[in-house]
Amino acid sequence: LAAQLIVSVALERALKIVIGRPRPGVGGPFLPVSFDAAHNSMPSGH
């Protein structure tokens, strides 16, 4: 439970937003600090 909160909820989500990688089929450059789900490809949360 602790690791879920610290890593899955906080760290992984922060990395997705900061990296801003487009998902397959979206195209275009990375958009760092993006809250758009289409640019939250890296890392895979699942």
All heavy atoms as atom14 arrays in JSON, in Angstrom:
{
  "sequence": "LAAQLIVSVALERALKIVIGRPRPGVGGPFLPVSFDAAHNSMPSGH",
  "atom14_mask": [
    [1, 1, 1, 1, 1, 1, 1, 1, 0, 0, 0, 0, 0, 0],
    [1, 1, 1, 1, 1, 0, 0, 0, 0, 0, 0, 0, 0, 0],
    [1, 1, 1, 1, 1, 0, 0, 0, 0, 0, 0, 0, 0, 0],
    [1, 1, 1, 1, 1, 1, 1, 1, 1, 0, 0, 0, 0, 0],
    [1, 1, 1, 1, 1, 1, 1, 1, 0, 0, 0, 0, 0, 0],
    [1, 1, 1, 1, 1, 1, 1, 1, 0, 0, 0, 0, 0, 0],
    [1, 1, 1, 1, 1, 1, 1, 0, 0, 0, 0, 0, 0, 0],
    [1, 1, 1, 1, 1, 1, 0, 0, 0, 0, 0, 0, 0, 0],
    [1, 1, 1, 1, 1, 1, 1, 0, 0, 0, 0, 0, 0, 0],
    [1, 1, 1, 1, 1, 0, 0, 0, 0, 0, 0, 0, 0, 0],
    [1, 1, 1, 1, 1, 1, 1, 1, 0, 0, 0, 0, 0, 0],
    [1, 1, 1, 1, 1, 1, 1, 1, 1, 0, 0, 0, 0, 0],
    [1, 1, 1, 1, 1, 1, 1, 1, 1, 1, 1, 0, 0, 0],
    [1, 1, 1, 1, 1, 0, 0, 0, 0, 0, 0, 0, 0, 0],
    [1, 1, 1, 1, 1, 1, 1, 1, 0, 0, 0, 0, 0, 0],
    [1, 1, 1, 1, 1, 1, 1, 1, 1, 0, 0, 0, 0, 0],
    [1, 1, 1, 1, 1, 1, 1, 1, 0, 0, 0, 0, 0, 0],
    [1, 1, 1, 1, 1, 1, 1, 0, 0, 0, 0, 0, 0, 0],
    [1, 1, 1, 1, 1, 1, 1, 1, 0, 0, 0, 0, 0, 0],
    [1, 1, 1, 1, 0, 0, 0, 0, 0, 0, 0, 0, 0, 0],
    [1, 1, 1, 1, 1, 1, 1, 1, 1, 1, 1, 0, 0, 0],
    [1, 1, 1, 1, 1, 1, 1, 0, 0, 0, 0, 0, 0, 0],
    [1, 1, 1, 1, 1, 1, 1, 1, 1, 1, 1, 0, 0, 0],
    [1, 1, 1, 1, 1, 1, 1, 0, 0, 0, 0, 0, 0, 0],
    [1, 1, 1, 1, 0, 0, 0, 0, 0, 0, 0, 0, 0, 0],
    [1, 1, 1, 1, 1, 1, 1, 0, 0, 0, 0, 0, 0, 0],
    [1, 1, 1, 1, 0, 0, 0, 0, 0, 0, 0, 0, 0, 0],
    [1, 1, 1, 1, 0, 0, 0, 0, 0, 0, 0, 0, 0, 0],
    [1, 1, 1, 1, 1, 1, 1, 0, 0, 0, 0, 0, 0, 0],
    [1, 1, 1, 1, 1, 1, 1, 1, 1, 1, 1, 0, 0, 0],
    [1, 1, 1, 1, 1, 1, 1, 1, 0, 0, 0, 0, 0, 0],
    [1, 1, 1, 1, 1, 1, 1, 0, 0, 0, 0, 0, 0, 0],
    [1, 1, 1, 1, 1, 1, 1, 0, 0, 0, 0, 0, 0, 0],
    [1, 1, 1, 1, 1, 1, 0, 0, 0, 0, 0, 0, 0, 0],
    [1, 1, 1, 1, 1, 1, 1, 1, 1, 1, 1, 0, 0, 0],
    [1, 1, 1, 1, 1, 1, 1, 1, 0, 0, 0, 0, 0, 0],
    [1, 1, 1, 1, 1, 0, 0, 0, 0, 0, 0, 0, 0, 0],
    [1, 1, 1, 1, 1, 0, 0, 0, 0, 0, 0, 0, 0, 0],
    [1, 1, 1, 1, 1, 1, 1, 1, 1, 1, 0, 0, 0, 0],
    [1, 1, 1, 1, 1, 1, 1, 1, 0, 0, 0, 0, 0, 0],
    [1, 1, 1, 1, 1, 1, 0, 0, 0, 0, 0, 0, 0, 0],
    [1, 1, 1, 1, 1, 1, 1, 1, 0, 0, 0, 0, 0, 0],
    [1, 1, 1, 1, 1, 1, 1, 0, 0, 0, 0, 0, 0, 0],
    [1, 1, 1, 1, 1, 1, 0, 0, 0, 0, 0, 0, 0, 0],
    [1, 1, 1, 1, 0, 0, 0, 0, 0, 0, 0, 0, 0, 0],
    [1, 1, 1, 1, 1, 1, 1, 1, 1, 1, 0, 0, 0, 0]
  ],
  "atom14_positions": [
    [[0.83, -1.2, 0.0], [0.0, 0.0, 0.0], [0.87, 1.26, 0.0], [0.59, 2.23, -0.72], [-0.93, -0.01, 1.21], [-2.07, -1.03, 1.18], [-2.81, -1.02, 2.52], [-3.04, -0.73, 0.04], [0.0, 0.0, 0.0], [0.0, 0.0, 0.0], [0.0, 0.0, 0.0], [0.0, 0.0, 0.0], [0.0, 0.0, 0.0], [0.0, 0.0, 0.0]],
    [[1.91, 1.25, 0.79], [2.82, 2.4, 0.84], [3.49, 2.63, -0.5], [3.59, 3.76, -0.99], [3.85, 2.2, 1.94], [0.0, 0.0, 0.0], [0.0, 0.0, 0.0], [0.0, 0.0, 0.0], [0.0, 0.0, 0.0], [0.0, 0.0, 0.0], [0.0, 0.0, 0.0], [0.0, 0.0, 0.0], [0.0, 0.0, 0.0], [0.0, 0.0, 0.0]],
    [[3.97, 1.54, -1.12], [4.64, 1.66, -2.42], [3.68, 2.12, -3.5], [4.06, 2.88, -4.4], [5.27, 0.32, -2.8], [0.0, 0.0, 0.0], [0.0, 0.0, 0.0], [0.0, 0.0, 0.0], [0.0, 0.0, 0.0], [0.0, 0.0, 0.0], [0.0, 0.0, 0.0], [0.0, 0.0, 0.0], [0.0, 0.0, 0.0], [0.0, 0.0, 0.0]],
    [[2.44, 1.67, -3.42], [1.44, 2.12, -4.39], [1.27, 3.63, -4.32], [1.23, 4.31, -5.35], [0.09, 1.44, -4.12], [-0.06, 0.08, -4.76], [-0.42, 0.17, -6.23], [0.37, 0.62, -7.06], [-1.61, -0.24, -6.58], [0.0, 0.0, 0.0], [0.0, 0.0, 0.0], [0.0, 0.0, 0.0], [0.0, 0.0, 0.0], [0.0, 0.0, 0.0]],
    [[1.17, 4.15, -3.13], [0.97, 5.6, -2.97], [2.19, 6.39, -3.42], [2.08, 7.4, -4.12], [0.64, 5.92, -1.51], [-0.73, 5.42, -1.01], [-0.86, 5.65, 0.48], [-1.86, 6.13, -1.75], [0.0, 0.0, 0.0], [0.0, 0.0, 0.0], [0.0, 0.0, 0.0], [0.0, 0.0, 0.0], [0.0, 0.0, 0.0], [0.0, 0.0, 0.0]],
    [[3.37, 5.92, -3.02], [4.59, 6.67, -3.3], [5.02, 6.54, -4.76], [5.38, 7.53, -5.4], [5.73, 6.2, -2.36], [5.38, 6.52, -0.91], [7.06, 6.86, -2.75], [6.31, 5.88, 0.1], [0.0, 0.0, 0.0], [0.0, 0.0, 0.0], [0.0, 0.0, 0.0], [0.0, 0.0, 0.0], [0.0, 0.0, 0.0], [0.0, 0.0, 0.0]],
    [[4.97, 5.32, -5.28], [5.52, 5.07, -6.61], [4.44, 5.14, -7.7], [4.57, 5.88, -8.68], [6.24, 3.71, -6.66], [6.77, 3.41, -8.07], [7.39, 3.69, -5.66], [0.0, 0.0, 0.0], [0.0, 0.0, 0.0], [0.0, 0.0, 0.0], [0.0, 0.0, 0.0], [0.0, 0.0, 0.0], [0.0, 0.0, 0.0], [0.0, 0.0, 0.0]],
    [[3.36, 4.36, -7.54], [2.35, 4.3, -8.6], [1.53, 5.58, -8.69], [1.23, 6.05, -9.8], [1.42, 3.1, -8.37], [2.13, 1.89, -8.45], [0.0, 0.0, 0.0], [0.0, 0.0, 0.0], [0.0, 0.0, 0.0], [0.0, 0.0, 0.0], [0.0, 0.0, 0.0], [0.0, 0.0, 0.0], [0.0, 0.0, 0.0], [0.0, 0.0, 0.0]],
    [[1.15, 6.13, -7.56], [0.3, 7.33, -7.58], [1.12, 8.59, -7.79], [0.75, 9.45, -8.6], [-0.52, 7.43, -6.28], [-1.31, 8.73, -6.25], [-1.45, 6.23, -6.14], [0.0, 0.0, 0.0], [0.0, 0.0, 0.0], [0.0, 0.0, 0.0], [0.0, 0.0, 0.0], [0.0, 0.0, 0.0], [0.0, 0.0, 0.0], [0.0, 0.0, 0.0]],
    [[2.24, 8.71, -7.1], [3.01, 9.96, -7.14], [4.11, 9.95, -8.19], [4.1, 10.74, -9.13], [3.59, 10.25, -5.75], [0.0, 0.0, 0.0], [0.0, 0.0, 0.0], [0.0, 0.0, 0.0], [0.0, 0.0, 0.0], [0.0, 0.0, 0.0], [0.0, 0.0, 0.0], [0.0, 0.0, 0.0], [0.0, 0.0, 0.0], [0.0, 0.0, 0.0]],
    [[5.09, 9.06, -8.05], [6.26, 9.09, -8.92], [5.92, 8.81, -10.38], [6.32, 9.55, -11.28], [7.31, 8.09, -8.42], [8.58, 7.96, -9.26], [9.29, 9.29, -9.36], [9.48, 6.88, -8.69], [0.0, 0.0, 0.0], [0.0, 0.0, 0.0], [0.0, 0.0, 0.0], [0.0, 0.0, 0.0], [0.0, 0.0, 0.0], [0.0, 0.0, 0.0]],
    [[5.2, 7.73, -10.61], [4.88, 7.36, -12.0], [4.06, 8.45, -12.69], [4.32, 8.82, -13.83], [4.15, 6.02, -12.01], [3.67, 5.58, -13.38], [2.17, 5.7, -13.53], [1.45, 5.25, -12.63], [1.73, 6.26, -14.55], [0.0, 0.0, 0.0], [0.0, 0.0, 0.0], [0.0, 0.0, 0.0], [0.0, 0.0, 0.0], [0.0, 0.0, 0.0]],
    [[3.07, 8.99, -11.99], [2.25, 10.06, -12.58], [3.08, 11.3, -12.85], [2.95, 11.94, -13.91], [1.1, 10.37, -11.61], [0.22, 11.55, -12.02], [-0.34, 11.44, -13.41], [-1.02, 10.18, -13.66], [-1.52, 9.82, -14.84], [-1.37, 10.62, -15.88], [-2.12, 8.67, -14.99], [0.0, 0.0, 0.0], [0.0, 0.0, 0.0], [0.0, 0.0, 0.0]],
    [[3.97, 11.64, -11.94], [4.82, 12.82, -12.14], [5.73, 12.63, -13.35], [5.92, 13.57, -14.15], [5.66, 13.08, -10.89], [0.0, 0.0, 0.0], [0.0, 0.0, 0.0], [0.0, 0.0, 0.0], [0.0, 0.0, 0.0], [0.0, 0.0, 0.0], [0.0, 0.0, 0.0], [0.0, 0.0, 0.0], [0.0, 0.0, 0.0], [0.0, 0.0, 0.0]],
    [[6.28, 11.44, -13.53], [7.15, 11.18, -14.67], [6.38, 11.3, -15.99], [6.9, 11.85, -16.97], [7.78, 9.8, -14.55], [8.87, 9.65, -13.47], [9.26, 8.19, -13.32], [10.09, 10.49, -13.83], [0.0, 0.0, 0.0], [0.0, 0.0, 0.0], [0.0, 0.0, 0.0], [0.0, 0.0, 0.0], [0.0, 0.0, 0.0], [0.0, 0.0, 0.0]],
    [[5.17, 10.76, -16.04], [4.36, 10.88, -17.25], [4.18, 12.34, -17.65], [4.33, 12.72, -18.82], [2.98, 10.24, -17.02], [2.92, 8.74, -17.13], [1.5, 8.27, -16.87], [1.34, 6.78, -17.11], [1.37, 6.44, -18.54], [0.0, 0.0, 0.0], [0.0, 0.0, 0.0], [0.0, 0.0, 0.0], [0.0, 0.0, 0.0], [0.0, 0.0, 0.0]],
    [[3.85, 13.16, -16.66], [3.57, 14.57, -16.93], [4.85, 15.3, -17.35], [4.85, 16.06, -18.32], [2.96, 15.22, -15.68], [1.56, 14.64, -15.42], [2.89, 16.74, -15.83], [0.98, 15.01, -14.08], [0.0, 0.0, 0.0], [0.0, 0.0, 0.0], [0.0, 0.0, 0.0], [0.0, 0.0, 0.0], [0.0, 0.0, 0.0], [0.0, 0.0, 0.0]],
    [[5.92, 15.06, -16.63], [7.17, 15.77, -16.9], [7.76, 15.37, -18.25], [8.22, 16.23, -19.02], [8.19, 15.52, -15.77], [9.57, 16.04, -16.16], [7.71, 16.19, -14.48], [0.0, 0.0, 0.0], [0.0, 0.0, 0.0], [0.0, 0.0, 0.0], [0.0, 0.0, 0.0], [0.0, 0.0, 0.0], [0.0, 0.0, 0.0], [0.0, 0.0, 0.0]],
    [[7.74, 14.08, -18.58], [8.34, 13.61, -19.83], [7.52, 14.04, -21.05], [8.06, 14.49, -22.05], [8.53, 12.09, -19.8], [9.55, 11.72, -18.71], [9.0, 11.56, -21.16], [9.66, 10.24, -18.45], [0.0, 0.0, 0.0], [0.0, 0.0, 0.0], [0.0, 0.0, 0.0], [0.0, 0.0, 0.0], [0.0, 0.0, 0.0], [0.0, 0.0, 0.0]],
    [[6.2, 13.87, -20.98], [5.32, 14.33, -22.05], [5.51, 13.63, -23.38], [5.43, 14.27, -24.44], [0.0, 0.0, 0.0], [0.0, 0.0, 0.0], [0.0, 0.0, 0.0], [0.0, 0.0, 0.0], [0.0, 0.0, 0.0], [0.0, 0.0, 0.0], [0.0, 0.0, 0.0], [0.0, 0.0, 0.0], [0.0, 0.0, 0.0], [0.0, 0.0, 0.0]],
    [[5.72, 12.33, -23.36], [5.92, 11.61, -24.62], [4.59, 11.31, -25.3], [3.65, 10.82, -24.66], [6.65, 10.29, -24.36], [7.0, 9.57, -25.66], [7.65, 8.24, -25.44], [8.23, 7.75, -26.69], [8.83, 6.58, -26.82], [8.93, 5.76, -25.79], [9.34, 6.21, -27.99], [0.0, 0.0, 0.0], [0.0, 0.0, 0.0], [0.0, 0.0, 0.0]],
    [[4.48, 11.55, -26.62], [3.24, 11.23, -27.33], [3.04, 9.72, -27.44], [4.0, 8.96, -27.61], [3.44, 11.86, -28.7], [4.92, 11.98, -28.87], [5.46, 12.2, -27.49], [0.0, 0.0, 0.0], [0.0, 0.0, 0.0], [0.0, 0.0, 0.0], [0.0, 0.0, 0.0], [0.0, 0.0, 0.0], [0.0, 0.0, 0.0], [0.0, 0.0, 0.0]],
    [[1.8, 9.29, -27.35], [1.49, 7.87, -27.5], [1.58, 7.45, -28.96], [1.6, 8.31, -29.86], [0.08, 7.58, -26.95], [-0.05, 7.76, -25.45], [-1.4, 7.35, -24.95], [-1.56, 7.65, -23.53], [-1.21, 6.82, -22.54], [-0.68, 5.64, -22.83], [-1.39, 7.16, -21.29], [0.0, 0.0, 0.0], [0.0, 0.0, 0.0], [0.0, 0.0, 0.0]],
    [[1.64, 6.15, -29.23], [1.67, 5.69, -30.62], [0.48, 6.24, -31.4], [-0.65, 6.25, -30.91], [1.58, 4.17, -30.49], [2.15, 3.87, -29.14], [1.74, 5.03, -28.27], [0.0, 0.0, 0.0], [0.0, 0.0, 0.0], [0.0, 0.0, 0.0], [0.0, 0.0, 0.0], [0.0, 0.0, 0.0], [0.0, 0.0, 0.0], [0.0, 0.0, 0.0]],
    [[0.74, 6.73, -32.59], [-0.32, 7.27, -33.43], [-0.59, 8.74, -33.22], [-1.27, 9.37, -34.04], [0.0, 0.0, 0.0], [0.0, 0.0, 0.0], [0.0, 0.0, 0.0], [0.0, 0.0, 0.0], [0.0, 0.0, 0.0], [0.0, 0.0, 0.0], [0.0, 0.0, 0.0], [0.0, 0.0, 0.0], [0.0, 0.0, 0.0], [0.0, 0.0, 0.0]],
    [[-0.07, 9.31, -32.13], [-0.29, 10.74, -31.87], [0.69, 11.59, -32.67], [0.33, 12.59, -33.27], [-0.18, 11.05, -30.36], [-0.27, 12.55, -30.1], [-1.26, 10.31, -29.6], [0.0, 0.0, 0.0], [0.0, 0.0, 0.0], [0.0, 0.0, 0.0], [0.0, 0.0, 0.0], [0.0, 0.0, 0.0], [0.0, 0.0, 0.0], [0.0, 0.0, 0.0]],
    [[1.94, 11.17, -32.67], [2.96, 11.88, -33.44], [3.38, 13.19, -32.79], [2.87, 13.58, -31.74], [0.0, 0.0, 0.0], [0.0, 0.0, 0.0], [0.0, 0.0, 0.0], [0.0, 0.0, 0.0], [0.0, 0.0, 0.0], [0.0, 0.0, 0.0], [0.0, 0.0, 0.0], [0.0, 0.0, 0.0], [0.0, 0.0, 0.0], [0.0, 0.0, 0.0]],
    [[4.31, 13.85, -33.44], [4.79, 15.12, -32.93], [5.87, 14.96, -31.89], [6.24, 13.84, -31.51], [0.0, 0.0, 0.0], [0.0, 0.0, 0.0], [0.0, 0.0, 0.0], [0.0, 0.0, 0.0], [0.0, 0.0, 0.0], [0.0, 0.0, 0.0], [0.0, 0.0, 0.0], [0.0, 0.0, 0.0], [0.0, 0.0, 0.0], [0.0, 0.0, 0.0]],
    [[6.4, 16.07, -31.4], [7.5, 16.02, -30.43], [7.01, 15.74, -29.02], [5.8, 15.74, -28.75], [8.08, 17.44, -30.53], [6.89, 18.29, -30.85], [6.03, 17.45, -31.76], [0.0, 0.0, 0.0], [0.0, 0.0, 0.0], [0.0, 0.0, 0.0], [0.0, 0.0, 0.0], [0.0, 0.0, 0.0], [0.0, 0.0, 0.0], [0.0, 0.0, 0.0]],
    [[7.95, 15.51, -28.12], [7.63, 15.41, -26.69], [7.09, 16.78, -26.24], [7.52, 17.83, -26.73], [8.88, 15.08, -25.89], [9.3, 13.65, -25.95], [9.47, 12.99, -27.16], [9.54, 12.93, -24.78], [9.87, 11.66, -27.21], [9.94, 11.6, -24.82], [10.11, 10.96, -26.04], [0.0, 0.0, 0.0], [0.0, 0.0, 0.0], [0.0, 0.0, 0.0]],
    [[6.15, 16.75, -25.32], [5.61, 17.97, -24.72], [5.81, 17.91, -23.21], [4.9, 17.52, -22.47], [4.13, 18.16, -25.06], [3.77, 18.39, -26.52], [2.26, 18.51, -26.68], [4.46, 19.65, -27.06], [0.0, 0.0, 0.0], [0.0, 0.0, 0.0], [0.0, 0.0, 0.0], [0.0, 0.0, 0.0], [0.0, 0.0, 0.0], [0.0, 0.0, 0.0]],
    [[7.0, 18.26, -22.73], [7.27, 18.17, -21.29], [6.28, 18.99, -20.48], [5.8, 20.04, -20.92], [8.69, 18.73, -21.17], [9.3, 18.5, -22.51], [8.18, 18.7, -23.49], [0.0, 0.0, 0.0], [0.0, 0.0, 0.0], [0.0, 0.0, 0.0], [0.0, 0.0, 0.0], [0.0, 0.0, 0.0], [0.0, 0.0, 0.0], [0.0, 0.0, 0.0]],
    [[5.98, 18.48, -19.3], [5.0, 19.07, -18.37], [3.64, 19.17, -19.07], [3.04, 20.24, -19.16], [5.46, 20.44, -17.85], [4.61, 20.83, -16.64], [6.93, 20.42, -17.46], [0.0, 0.0, 0.0], [0.0, 0.0, 0.0], [0.0, 0.0, 0.0], [0.0, 0.0, 0.0], [0.0, 0.0, 0.0], [0.0, 0.0, 0.0], [0.0, 0.0, 0.0]],
    [[3.18, 18.03, -19.57], [1.89, 17.95, -20.25], [0.91, 17.13, -19.43], [1.24, 16.03, -18.97], [2.06, 17.32, -21.63], [0.8, 17.1, -22.24], [0.0, 0.0, 0.0], [0.0, 0.0, 0.0], [0.0, 0.0, 0.0], [0.0, 0.0, 0.0], [0.0, 0.0, 0.0], [0.0, 0.0, 0.0], [0.0, 0.0, 0.0], [0.0, 0.0, 0.0]],
    [[-0.31, 17.64, -19.26], [-1.37, 16.92, -18.56], [-2.31, 16.22, -19.54], [-3.31, 15.65, -19.14], [-2.16, 17.88, -17.67], [-1.36, 18.39, -16.5], [-0.6, 19.55, -16.62], [-1.36, 17.72, -15.29], [0.15, 20.03, -15.55], [-0.62, 18.19, -14.22], [0.14, 19.34, -14.35], [0.0, 0.0, 0.0], [0.0, 0.0, 0.0], [0.0, 0.0, 0.0]],
    [[-1.97, 16.28, -20.82], [-2.76, 15.64, -21.86], [-2.44, 14.14, -21.87], [-1.29, 13.75, -22.03], [-2.43, 16.27, -23.21], [-3.16, 15.61, -24.36], [-4.12, 14.86, -24.1], [-2.77, 15.85, -25.52], [0.0, 0.0, 0.0], [0.0, 0.0, 0.0], [0.0, 0.0, 0.0], [0.0, 0.0, 0.0], [0.0, 0.0, 0.0], [0.0, 0.0, 0.0]],
    [[-3.47, 13.3, -21.73], [-3.25, 11.85, -21.68], [-2.57, 11.34, -22.95], [-1.82, 10.35, -22.91], [-4.57, 11.12, -21.48], [0.0, 0.0, 0.0], [0.0, 0.0, 0.0], [0.0, 0.0, 0.0], [0.0, 0.0, 0.0], [0.0, 0.0, 0.0], [0.0, 0.0, 0.0], [0.0, 0.0, 0.0], [0.0, 0.0, 0.0], [0.0, 0.0, 0.0]],
    [[-2.78, 12.0, -24.07], [-2.16, 11.6, -25.32], [-0.64, 11.82, -25.3], [0.07, 11.26, -26.14], [-2.77, 12.36, -26.5], [0.0, 0.0, 0.0], [0.0, 0.0, 0.0], [0.0, 0.0, 0.0], [0.0, 0.0, 0.0], [0.0, 0.0, 0.0], [0.0, 0.0, 0.0], [0.0, 0.0, 0.0], [0.0, 0.0, 0.0], [0.0, 0.0, 0.0]],
    [[-0.16, 12.61, -24.36], [1.27, 12.86, -24.22], [1.78, 12.39, -22.86], [2.71, 12.97, -22.3], [1.57, 14.35, -24.43], [1.41, 14.8, -25.84], [0.2, 15.17, -26.35], [2.32, 14.91, -26.85], [0.35, 15.51, -27.62], [1.62, 15.36, -27.95], [0.0, 0.0, 0.0], [0.0, 0.0, 0.0], [0.0, 0.0, 0.0], [0.0, 0.0, 0.0]],
    [[1.18, 11.33, -22.36], [1.61, 10.72, -21.1], [1.97, 9.26, -21.31], [1.57, 8.38, -20.55], [0.52, 10.83, -20.03], [0.3, 12.24, -19.52], [-0.7, 12.52, -18.87], [1.22, 13.16, -19.8], [0.0, 0.0, 0.0], [0.0, 0.0, 0.0], [0.0, 0.0, 0.0], [0.0, 0.0, 0.0], [0.0, 0.0, 0.0], [0.0, 0.0, 0.0]],
    [[2.74, 8.98, -22.36], [3.02, 7.6, -22.74], [4.14, 6.96, -21.93], [4.12, 5.75, -21.68], [3.38, 7.55, -24.23], [3.45, 6.22, -24.69], [0.0, 0.0, 0.0], [0.0, 0.0, 0.0], [0.0, 0.0, 0.0], [0.0, 0.0, 0.0], [0.0, 0.0, 0.0], [0.0, 0.0, 0.0], [0.0, 0.0, 0.0], [0.0, 0.0, 0.0]],
    [[5.11, 7.75, -21.51], [6.3, 7.22, -20.82], [6.29, 7.66, -19.35], [6.2, 8.87, -19.09], [7.56, 7.74, -21.51], [8.86, 7.54, -20.75], [9.43, 5.86, -20.69], [10.34, 5.77, -22.26], [0.0, 0.0, 0.0], [0.0, 0.0, 0.0], [0.0, 0.0, 0.0], [0.0, 0.0, 0.0], [0.0, 0.0, 0.0], [0.0, 0.0, 0.0]],
    [[6.37, 6.75, -18.41], [6.41, 5.29, -18.53], [5.0, 4.7, -18.56], [4.03, 5.39, -18.24], [7.14, 4.88, -17.25], [6.7, 5.91, -16.25], [6.59, 7.2, -17.02], [0.0, 0.0, 0.0], [0.0, 0.0, 0.0], [0.0, 0.0, 0.0], [0.0, 0.0, 0.0], [0.0, 0.0, 0.0], [0.0, 0.0, 0.0], [0.0, 0.0, 0.0]],
    [[4.91, 3.44, -18.92], [3.62, 2.75, -18.91], [3.15, 2.52, -17.47], [3.82, 1.84, -16.7], [3.73, 1.4, -19.62], [2.6, 0.6, -19.37], [0.0, 0.0, 0.0], [0.0, 0.0, 0.0], [0.0, 0.0, 0.0], [0.0, 0.0, 0.0], [0.0, 0.0, 0.0], [0.0, 0.0, 0.0], [0.0, 0.0, 0.0], [0.0, 0.0, 0.0]],
    [[2.01, 3.1, -17.14], [1.48, 2.92, -15.79], [1.02, 1.5, -15.51], [1.22, 0.98, -14.41], [0.0, 0.0, 0.0], [0.0, 0.0, 0.0], [0.0, 0.0, 0.0], [0.0, 0.0, 0.0], [0.0, 0.0, 0.0], [0.0, 0.0, 0.0], [0.0, 0.0, 0.0], [0.0, 0.0, 0.0], [0.0, 0.0, 0.0], [0.0, 0.0, 0.0]],
    [[0.42, 0.86, -16.52], [-0.02, -0.52, -16.33], [1.16, -1.45, -16.03], [1.09, -2.29, -15.14], [-0.75, -1.02, -17.58], [-2.13, -0.48, -17.74], [-2.39, 0.83, -18.07], [-3.36, -1.08, -17.64], [-3.69, 1.02, -18.16], [-4.3, -0.13, -17.89], [0.0, 0.0, 0.0], [0.0, 0.0, 0.0], [0.0, 0.0, 0.0], [0.0, 0.0, 0.0]]
  ]
}
